[in-house]
C-alpha atoms as a PDB file:
ATOM      1  CA  UNK A   1      60.054 -30.910  -3.330  1.00  0.00           C
ATOM      2  CA  UNK A   2      56.516 -29.624  -2.621  1.00  0.00           C
ATOM      3  CA  UNK A   3      55.357 -26.558  -4.556  1.00  0.00           C
ATOM      4  CA  UNK A   4      52.163 -24.566  -4.021  1.00  0.00           C
ATOM      5  CA  UNK A   5      50.553 -23.521  -7.302  1.00  0.00           C
ATOM      6  CA  UNK A   6      48.014 -20.775  -6.574  1.00  0.00           C
ATOM      7  CA  UNK A   7      44.767 -20.033  -8.408  1.00  0.00           C
ATOM      8  CA  UNK A   8      43.841 -16.569  -9.691  1.00  0.00           C
ATOM      9  CA  UNK A   9      40.555 -14.752  -9.943  1.00  0.00           C
ATOM     10  CA  UNK A  10      39.555 -12.037 -12.401  1.00  0.00           C
ATOM     11  CA  UNK A  11      38.026  -9.168 -10.451  1.00  0.00           C
ATOM     12  CA  UNK A  12      37.222  -7.432 -13.744  1.00  0.00           C
ATOM     13  CA  UNK A  13      37.470  -8.448 -17.405  1.00  0.00           C
ATOM     14  CA  UNK A  14      36.862  -6.272 -20.461  1.00  0.00           C
ATOM     15  CA  UNK A  15      37.116  -7.673 -23.991  1.00  0.00           C
ATOM     16  CA  UNK A  16      38.692  -4.848 -26.007  1.00  0.00           C
ATOM     17  CA  UNK A  17      38.888  -6.246 -29.538  1.00  0.00           C
ATOM     18  CA  UNK A  18      39.696  -9.274 -31.674  1.00  0.00           C
ATOM     19  CA  UNK A  19      43.279  -9.369 -32.927  1.00  0.00           C
ATOM     20  CA  UNK A  20      44.552 -10.475 -36.333  1.00  0.00           C
ATOM     21  CA  UNK A  21      45.836 -13.718 -34.786  1.00  0.00           C
ATOM     22  CA  UNK A  22      42.187 -14.403 -33.768  1.00  0.00           C
ATOM     23  CA  UNK A  23      42.920 -13.980 -30.057  1.00  0.00           C
ATOM     24  CA  UNK A  24      40.928 -11.463 -28.047  1.00  0.00           C
ATOM     25  CA  UNK A  25      42.660  -8.508 -26.454  1.00  0.00           C
ATOM     26  CA  UNK A  26      41.499  -8.089 -22.869  1.00  0.00           C
ATOM     27  CA  UNK A  27      41.864  -5.821 -19.864  1.00  0.00           C
ATOM     28  CA  UNK A  28      41.649  -7.450 -16.443  1.00  0.00           C
ATOM     29  CA  UNK A  29      42.402  -7.070 -12.749  1.00  0.00           C
ATOM     30  CA  UNK A  30      43.538 -10.300 -11.108  1.00  0.00           C
ATOM     31  CA  UNK A  31      44.515 -11.559  -7.674  1.00  0.00           C
ATOM     32  CA  UNK A  32      46.089 -14.822  -6.555  1.00  0.00           C
ATOM     33  CA  UNK A  33      43.996 -16.538  -3.905  1.00  0.00           C
ATOM     34  CA  UNK A  34      44.662 -19.036  -1.135  1.00  0.00           C
ATOM     35  CA  UNK A  35      43.536 -22.012  -3.197  1.00  0.00           C
ATOM     36  CA  UNK A  36      46.345 -24.057  -4.698  1.00  0.00           C
ATOM     37  CA  UNK A  37      47.330 -27.260  -6.451  1.00  0.00           C
ATOM     38  CA  UNK A  38      50.099 -29.211  -4.715  1.00  0.00           C
ATOM     39  CA  UNK A  39      53.047 -30.206  -6.917  1.00  0.00           C
ATOM     40  CA  UNK A  40      55.594 -32.791  -5.816  1.00  0.00           C
ATOM     41  CA  UNK A  41      58.695 -33.045  -7.963  1.00  0.00           C
ATOM     42  CA  UNK A  42      61.726 -35.348  -7.874  1.00  0.00           C
ATOM     43  CA  UNK A  43      64.301 -36.666 -10.323  1.00  0.00           C
ATOM     44  CA  UNK A  44      63.516 -39.871 -12.167  1.00  0.00           C
ATOM     45  CA  UNK A  45      64.836 -42.094 -14.974  1.00  0.00           C
ATOM     46  CA  UNK A  46      62.055 -40.809 -17.234  1.00  0.00           C
ATOM     47  CA  UNK A  47      59.252 -38.268 -17.076  1.00  0.00           C
ATOM     48  CA  UNK A  48      56.254 -39.531 -15.150  1.00  0.00           C
ATOM     49  CA  UNK A  49      53.320 -37.147 -14.617  1.00  0.00           C
ATOM     50  CA  UNK A  50      50.567 -38.135 -12.222  1.00  0.00           C
ATOM     51  CA  UNK A  51      47.405 -36.154 -11.504  1.00  0.00           C
ATOM     52  CA  UNK A  52      45.356 -36.914  -8.426  1.00  0.00           C
ATOM     53  CA  UNK A  53      42.930 -35.022  -6.227  1.00  0.00           C
ATOM     54  CA  UNK A  54      39.282 -34.066  -6.588  1.00  0.00           C
ATOM     55  CA  UNK A  55      39.595 -32.412 -10.009  1.00  0.00           C
ATOM     56  CA  UNK A  56      41.985 -34.770 -11.800  1.00  0.00           C
ATOM     57  CA  UNK A  57      39.464 -36.274 -14.229  1.00  0.00           C
ATOM     58  CA  UNK A  58      39.262 -33.397 -16.723  1.00  0.00           C
ATOM     59  CA  UNK A  59      43.022 -33.163 -17.296  1.00  0.00           C
ATOM     60  CA  UNK A  60      44.359 -34.372 -20.657  1.00  0.00           C
ATOM     61  CA  UNK A  61      47.035 -36.878 -19.578  1.00  0.00           C
ATOM     62  CA  UNK A  62      48.865 -36.945 -22.926  1.00  0.00           C
ATOM     63  CA  UNK A  63      49.143 -33.194 -23.514  1.00  0.00           C
ATOM     64  CA  UNK A  64      48.831 -30.589 -20.783  1.00  0.00           C
ATOM     65  CA  UNK A  65      50.706 -27.572 -19.429  1.00  0.00           C
ATOM     66  CA  UNK A  66      53.119 -29.847 -17.511  1.00  0.00           C
ATOM     67  CA  UNK A  67      54.167 -31.819 -20.601  1.00  0.00           C
ATOM     68  CA  UNK A  68      54.451 -28.590 -22.607  1.00  0.00           C
ATOM     69  CA  UNK A  69      56.505 -26.939 -19.858  1.00  0.00           C
ATOM     70  CA  UNK A  70      58.989 -29.816 -19.585  1.00  0.00           C
ATOM     71  CA  UNK A  71      59.383 -29.847 -23.372  1.00  0.00           C
ATOM     72  CA  UNK A  72      60.153 -26.113 -23.429  1.00  0.00           C
ATOM     73  CA  UNK A  73      62.515 -26.266 -20.450  1.00  0.00           C
ATOM     74  CA  UNK A  74      64.585 -28.918 -22.246  1.00  0.00           C
ATOM     75  CA  UNK A  75      64.438 -27.159 -25.589  1.00  0.00           C
ATOM     76  CA  UNK A  76      65.758 -24.003 -23.902  1.00  0.00           C
ATOM     77  CA  UNK A  77      68.414 -26.129 -22.102  1.00  0.00           C
ATOM     78  CA  UNK A  78      67.190 -25.034 -18.676  1.00  0.00           C
ATOM     79  CA  UNK A  79      66.898 -28.669 -17.517  1.00  0.00           C
ATOM     80  CA  UNK A  80      68.483 -31.938 -18.662  1.00  0.00           C
ATOM     81  CA  UNK A  81      67.186 -34.430 -16.095  1.00  0.00           C
ATOM     82  CA  UNK A  82      63.864 -36.260 -16.104  1.00  0.00           C
ATOM     83  CA  UNK A  83      61.293 -35.987 -13.329  1.00  0.00           C
ATOM     84  CA  UNK A  84      58.404 -37.641 -11.599  1.00  0.00           C
ATOM     85  CA  UNK A  85      55.814 -34.927 -11.062  1.00  0.00           C
ATOM     86  CA  UNK A  86      52.670 -35.489  -9.021  1.00  0.00           C
ATOM     87  CA  UNK A  87      49.987 -32.789  -9.070  1.00  0.00           C
ATOM     88  CA  UNK A  88      47.136 -32.822  -6.584  1.00  0.00           C
ATOM     89  CA  UNK A  89      44.373 -30.905  -8.379  1.00  0.00           C
ATOM     90  CA  UNK A  90      42.580 -28.778  -5.815  1.00  0.00           C
ATOM     91  CA  UNK A  91      41.797 -26.144  -8.471  1.00  0.00           C
ATOM     92  CA  UNK A  92      38.852 -27.142 -10.697  1.00  0.00           C
ATOM     93  CA  UNK A  93      39.579 -27.473 -14.422  1.00  0.00           C
ATOM     94  CA  UNK A  94      37.601 -25.112 -16.735  1.00  0.00           C
ATOM     95  CA  UNK A  95      36.777 -22.878 -13.769  1.00  0.00           C
ATOM     96  CA  UNK A  96      38.363 -19.558 -14.804  1.00  0.00           C
ATOM     97  CA  UNK A  97      40.941 -19.974 -12.034  1.00  0.00           C
ATOM     98  CA  UNK A  98      43.948 -20.626 -14.283  1.00  0.00           C
ATOM     99  CA  UNK A  99      45.098 -23.858 -12.640  1.00  0.00           C
ATOM    100  CA  UNK A 100      46.955 -25.212 -15.668  1.00  0.00           C
ATOM    101  CA  UNK A 101      48.923 -22.032 -16.298  1.00  0.00           C
ATOM    102  CA  UNK A 102      49.646 -21.693 -12.595  1.00  0.00           C
ATOM    103  CA  UNK A 103      51.132 -25.209 -12.571  1.00  0.00           C
ATOM    104  CA  UNK A 104      53.419 -24.267 -15.446  1.00  0.00           C
ATOM    105  CA  UNK A 105      54.546 -20.975 -13.883  1.00  0.00           C
ATOM    106  CA  UNK A 106      55.211 -22.633 -10.532  1.00  0.00           C
ATOM    107  CA  UNK A 107      57.446 -25.306 -12.060  1.00  0.00           C
ATOM    108  CA  UNK A 108      59.333 -22.776 -14.193  1.00  0.00           C
ATOM    109  CA  UNK A 109      59.883 -20.488 -11.182  1.00  0.00           C
ATOM    110  CA  UNK A 110      61.242 -23.473  -9.259  1.00  0.00           C
ATOM    111  CA  UNK A 111      63.819 -24.380 -11.916  1.00  0.00           C
ATOM    112  CA  UNK A 112      64.809 -20.732 -12.514  1.00  0.00           C
ATOM    113  CA  UNK A 113      64.894 -19.927  -8.786  1.00  0.00           C
ATOM    114  CA  UNK A 114      62.125 -17.319  -9.137  1.00  0.00           C
ATOM    115  CA  UNK A 115      64.053 -15.279 -11.720  1.00  0.00           C
ATOM    116  CA  UNK A 116      62.351 -15.393 -15.111  1.00  0.00           C
ATOM    117  CA  UNK A 117      63.771 -12.960 -17.653  1.00  0.00           C
ATOM    118  CA  UNK A 118      61.510 -11.068 -20.050  1.00  0.00           C
ATOM    119  CA  UNK A 119      62.746 -13.016 -23.083  1.00  0.00           C
ATOM    120  CA  UNK A 120      61.717 -16.296 -21.461  1.00  0.00           C
ATOM    121  CA  UNK A 121      58.378 -14.913 -20.298  1.00  0.00           C
ATOM    122  CA  UNK A 122      57.489 -14.078 -23.910  1.00  0.00           C
ATOM    123  CA  UNK A 123      58.389 -17.592 -25.055  1.00  0.00           C
ATOM    124  CA  UNK A 124      56.394 -19.263 -22.297  1.00  0.00           C
ATOM    125  CA  UNK A 125      53.287 -17.094 -22.664  1.00  0.00           C
ATOM    126  CA  UNK A 126      53.173 -17.911 -26.384  1.00  0.00           C
ATOM    127  CA  UNK A 127      53.308 -21.643 -25.711  1.00  0.00           C
ATOM    128  CA  UNK A 128      51.578 -21.998 -22.343  1.00  0.00           C
ATOM    129  CA  UNK A 129      48.963 -19.227 -22.293  1.00  0.00           C
ATOM    130  CA  UNK A 130      48.378 -15.492 -22.525  1.00  0.00           C
ATOM    131  CA  UNK A 131      47.604 -15.424 -18.784  1.00  0.00           C
ATOM    132  CA  UNK A 132      51.166 -16.539 -17.909  1.00  0.00           C
ATOM    133  CA  UNK A 133      52.232 -13.135 -16.539  1.00  0.00           C
ATOM    134  CA  UNK A 134      49.261 -12.923 -14.202  1.00  0.00           C
ATOM    135  CA  UNK A 135      50.881 -15.553 -11.969  1.00  0.00           C
ATOM    136  CA  UNK A 136      54.087 -13.589 -11.502  1.00  0.00           C
ATOM    137  CA  UNK A 137      52.457 -11.070  -9.106  1.00  0.00           C
ATOM    138  CA  UNK A 138      50.094 -11.467  -6.167  1.00  0.00           C
ATOM    139  CA  UNK A 139      47.847  -8.939  -7.891  1.00  0.00           C
ATOM    140  CA  UNK A 140      48.057  -7.595 -11.434  1.00  0.00           C
ATOM    141  CA  UNK A 141      46.436  -5.142 -13.813  1.00  0.00           C
ATOM    142  CA  UNK A 142      46.546  -6.378 -17.392  1.00  0.00           C
ATOM    143  CA  UNK A 143      46.072  -3.287 -19.553  1.00  0.00           C
ATOM    144  CA  UNK A 144      46.066  -5.436 -22.681  1.00  0.00           C
ATOM    145  CA  UNK A 145      47.609  -8.718 -23.859  1.00  0.00           C
ATOM    146  CA  UNK A 146      50.970  -7.015 -24.280  1.00  0.00           C
ATOM    147  CA  UNK A 147      51.118  -5.126 -20.993  1.00  0.00           C
ATOM    148  CA  UNK A 148      50.737  -6.475 -17.456  1.00  0.00           C
ATOM    149  CA  UNK A 149      51.450  -4.206 -14.487  1.00  0.00           C
ATOM    150  CA  UNK A 150      51.954  -5.133 -10.868  1.00  0.00           C
ATOM    151  CA  UNK A 151      48.918  -3.753  -9.065  1.00  0.00           C
ATOM    152  CA  UNK A 152      49.488  -0.722  -6.844  1.00  0.00           C
ATOM    153  CA  UNK A 153      46.757  -1.933  -4.512  1.00  0.00           C
ATOM    154  CA  UNK A 154      47.875  -4.743  -2.238  1.00  0.00           C
ATOM    155  CA  UNK A 155      45.438  -5.984   0.375  1.00  0.00           C
ATOM    156  CA  UNK A 156      43.882  -9.139   1.770  1.00  0.00           C
ATOM    157  CA  UNK A 157      40.181  -9.893   1.693  1.00  0.00           C
ATOM    158  CA  UNK A 158      37.724 -12.719   2.196  1.00  0.00           C
ATOM    159  CA  UNK A 159      36.652 -14.223  -1.122  1.00  0.00           C
ATOM    160  CA  UNK A 160      34.020 -16.930  -1.498  1.00  0.00           C
ATOM    161  CA  UNK A 161      34.638 -19.136  -4.533  1.00  0.00           C
ATOM    162  CA  UNK A 162      31.874 -21.413  -5.783  1.00  0.00           C
ATOM    163  CA  UNK A 163      32.433 -23.961  -8.545  1.00  0.00           C
ATOM    164  CA  UNK A 164      29.050 -25.077  -9.959  1.00  0.00           C
ATOM    165  CA  UNK A 165      30.477 -28.201 -11.681  1.00  0.00           C
ATOM    166  CA  UNK A 166      30.098 -26.720 -15.158  1.00  0.00           C
ATOM    167  CA  UNK A 167      33.006 -27.265 -17.541  1.00  0.00           C
ATOM    168  CA  UNK A 168      32.932 -23.923 -19.311  1.00  0.00           C
ATOM    169  CA  UNK A 169      35.627 -23.893 -22.010  1.00  0.00           C
ATOM    170  CA  UNK A 170      37.264 -20.542 -22.746  1.00  0.00           C
ATOM    171  CA  UNK A 171      37.425 -21.121 -26.503  1.00  0.00           C
ATOM    172  CA  UNK A 172      33.674 -21.731 -26.751  1.00  0.00           C
ATOM    173  CA  UNK A 173      32.759 -18.608 -24.788  1.00  0.00           C
ATOM    174  CA  UNK A 174      35.025 -16.276 -26.758  1.00  0.00           C
ATOM    175  CA  UNK A 175      33.387 -17.531 -29.957  1.00  0.00           C
ATOM    176  CA  UNK A 176      30.168 -15.942 -28.671  1.00  0.00           C
ATOM    177  CA  UNK A 177      31.688 -12.461 -28.267  1.00  0.00           C
ATOM    178  CA  UNK A 178      30.126  -9.973 -30.701  1.00  0.00           C
ATOM    179  CA  UNK A 179      30.551  -6.659 -28.880  1.00  0.00           C
ATOM    180  CA  UNK A 180      33.643  -5.029 -27.413  1.00  0.00           C
ATOM    181  CA  UNK A 181      34.337  -2.627 -24.558  1.00  0.00           C
ATOM    182  CA  UNK A 182      36.505   0.438 -24.334  1.00  0.00           C
ATOM    183  CA  UNK A 183      39.479   0.507 -21.972  1.00  0.00           C
ATOM    184  CA  UNK A 184      38.963   1.776 -18.426  1.00  0.00           C
ATOM    185  CA  UNK A 185      41.809   4.233 -19.083  1.00  0.00           C
ATOM    186  CA  UNK A 186      44.274   4.831 -16.256  1.00  0.00           C
ATOM    187  CA  UNK A 187      41.867   4.176 -13.364  1.00  0.00           C
ATOM    188  CA  UNK A 188      43.648   1.027 -12.217  1.00  0.00           C
ATOM    189  CA  UNK A 189      47.149   2.417 -12.723  1.00  0.00           C
ATOM    190  CA  UNK A 190      46.685   4.760  -9.760  1.00  0.00           C
ATOM    191  CA  UNK A 191      47.174   3.929  -6.097  1.00  0.00           C
ATOM    192  CA  UNK A 192      43.970   3.738  -4.074  1.00  0.00           C
ATOM    193  CA  UNK A 193      42.824   2.681  -0.648  1.00  0.00           C
ATOM    194  CA  UNK A 194      41.321  -0.791  -0.377  1.00  0.00           C
ATOM    195  CA  UNK A 195      37.826   0.713  -0.104  1.00  0.00           C
ATOM    196  CA  UNK A 196      38.209   2.899  -3.206  1.00  0.00           C
ATOM    197  CA  UNK A 197      39.683   0.060  -5.239  1.00  0.00           C
ATOM    198  CA  UNK A 198      36.775  -2.243  -4.321  1.00  0.00           C
ATOM    199  CA  UNK A 199      34.357   0.549  -5.260  1.00  0.00           C
ATOM    200  CA  UNK A 200      35.999   0.883  -8.701  1.00  0.00           C
ATOM    201  CA  UNK A 201      35.964  -2.871  -9.258  1.00  0.00           C
ATOM    202  CA  UNK A 202      32.332  -3.137  -8.150  1.00  0.00           C
ATOM    203  CA  UNK A 203      31.322  -0.561 -10.777  1.00  0.00           C
ATOM    204  CA  UNK A 204      33.202  -2.532 -13.434  1.00  0.00           C
ATOM    205  CA  UNK A 205      32.279  -5.908 -14.953  1.00  0.00           C
ATOM    206  CA  UNK A 206      33.273  -9.138 -16.652  1.00  0.00           C
ATOM    207  CA  UNK A 207      32.219  -8.855 -20.293  1.00  0.00           C
ATOM    208  CA  UNK A 208      31.991 -12.638 -20.632  1.00  0.00           C
ATOM    209  CA  UNK A 209      29.558 -13.054 -17.753  1.00  0.00           C
ATOM    210  CA  UNK A 210      26.341 -12.275 -19.646  1.00  0.00           C
ATOM    211  CA  UNK A 211      27.325 -14.761 -22.354  1.00  0.00           C
ATOM    212  CA  UNK A 212      27.942 -17.492 -19.796  1.00  0.00           C
ATOM    213  CA  UNK A 213      24.737 -16.667 -17.889  1.00  0.00           C
ATOM    214  CA  UNK A 214      22.801 -16.956 -21.135  1.00  0.00           C
ATOM    215  CA  UNK A 215      24.340 -20.367 -21.829  1.00  0.00           C
ATOM    216  CA  UNK A 216      24.131 -21.631 -18.238  1.00  0.00           C
ATOM    217  CA  UNK A 217      21.213 -20.197 -16.234  1.00  0.00           C
ATOM    218  CA  UNK A 218      22.582 -21.908 -13.126  1.00  0.00           C
ATOM    219  CA  UNK A 219      25.413 -19.347 -13.058  1.00  0.00           C
ATOM    220  CA  UNK A 220      22.965 -16.457 -13.117  1.00  0.00           C
ATOM    221  CA  UNK A 221      20.963 -17.890 -10.224  1.00  0.00           C
ATOM    222  CA  UNK A 222      24.105 -18.440  -8.158  1.00  0.00           C
ATOM    223  CA  UNK A 223      25.449 -14.935  -8.723  1.00  0.00           C
ATOM    224  CA  UNK A 224      22.149 -13.272  -7.812  1.00  0.00           C
ATOM    225  CA  UNK A 225      21.874 -15.401  -4.657  1.00  0.00           C
ATOM    226  CA  UNK A 226      25.411 -14.570  -3.515  1.00  0.00           C
ATOM    227  CA  UNK A 227      24.866 -10.875  -4.180  1.00  0.00           C
ATOM    228  CA  UNK A 228      22.027 -10.830  -1.644  1.00  0.00           C
ATOM    229  CA  UNK A 229      24.172 -12.226   1.183  1.00  0.00           C
ATOM    230  CA  UNK A 230      24.906  -9.928   4.090  1.00  0.00           C
ATOM    231  CA  UNK A 231      28.405  -8.460   3.883  1.00  0.00           C
ATOM    232  CA  UNK A 232      28.859  -9.194   0.174  1.00  0.00           C
ATOM    233  CA  UNK A 233      30.551  -6.323  -1.688  1.00  0.00           C
ATOM    234  CA  UNK A 234      29.756  -7.840  -5.082  1.00  0.00           C
ATOM    235  CA  UNK A 235      29.491 -11.186  -6.867  1.00  0.00           C
ATOM    236  CA  UNK A 236      31.100 -11.863 -10.229  1.00  0.00           C
ATOM    237  CA  UNK A 237      32.270 -14.637 -12.511  1.00  0.00           C
ATOM    238  CA  UNK A 238      36.014 -15.191 -12.901  1.00  0.00           C
ATOM    239  CA  UNK A 239      37.567 -15.784 -16.323  1.00  0.00           C
ATOM    240  CA  UNK A 240      35.213 -17.378 -18.798  1.00  0.00           C
END
């Protein structure tokens, strides 16, 4: 069985506050893009997980979202069999594209035949990642960590993704956050034309971008260069 596991991009990202559990509450607009890992899955006598592809080297082979997902699926008695799972990593690791979480969601959707109940979603997002819900829609508006809405704006667009070969770990960047943003309100809960939505997103930001630019000047140079290209609506960092 071959499964496509799509990457996501954050069009916007506001850090709202730091929660008591030390996680950061965020607001973000996301879209799934036509970049995907390829997952091949078949029954086996024992679990065998193989990563190949261009971006395989930064994956922790002993503990990753695939091993965690299989453990949870068995604990919840959703599966009993063992599997050989091969993942071709086309999505760079530590790139803000959510490849690991996407792999998990794709496998879970396969076993549950695309029907994941709310109770299970809560369990999986606690164990796999807070961005779990963002892979359940083609485009989403995450109002905060507890509320993800299916975006009312659904359109296709050309998106240029550049990975500068910098392994930028989320945990390290969030440690640098000192200031917080207010919510955008109900702007993204309304239905807009493609043009109006892009205008709203362009005026918005990714709060983590300045922190990353400060740490890695290469990112700043890239973003400024892209922004000057003819036909570019805006350039922005995704995730952290």
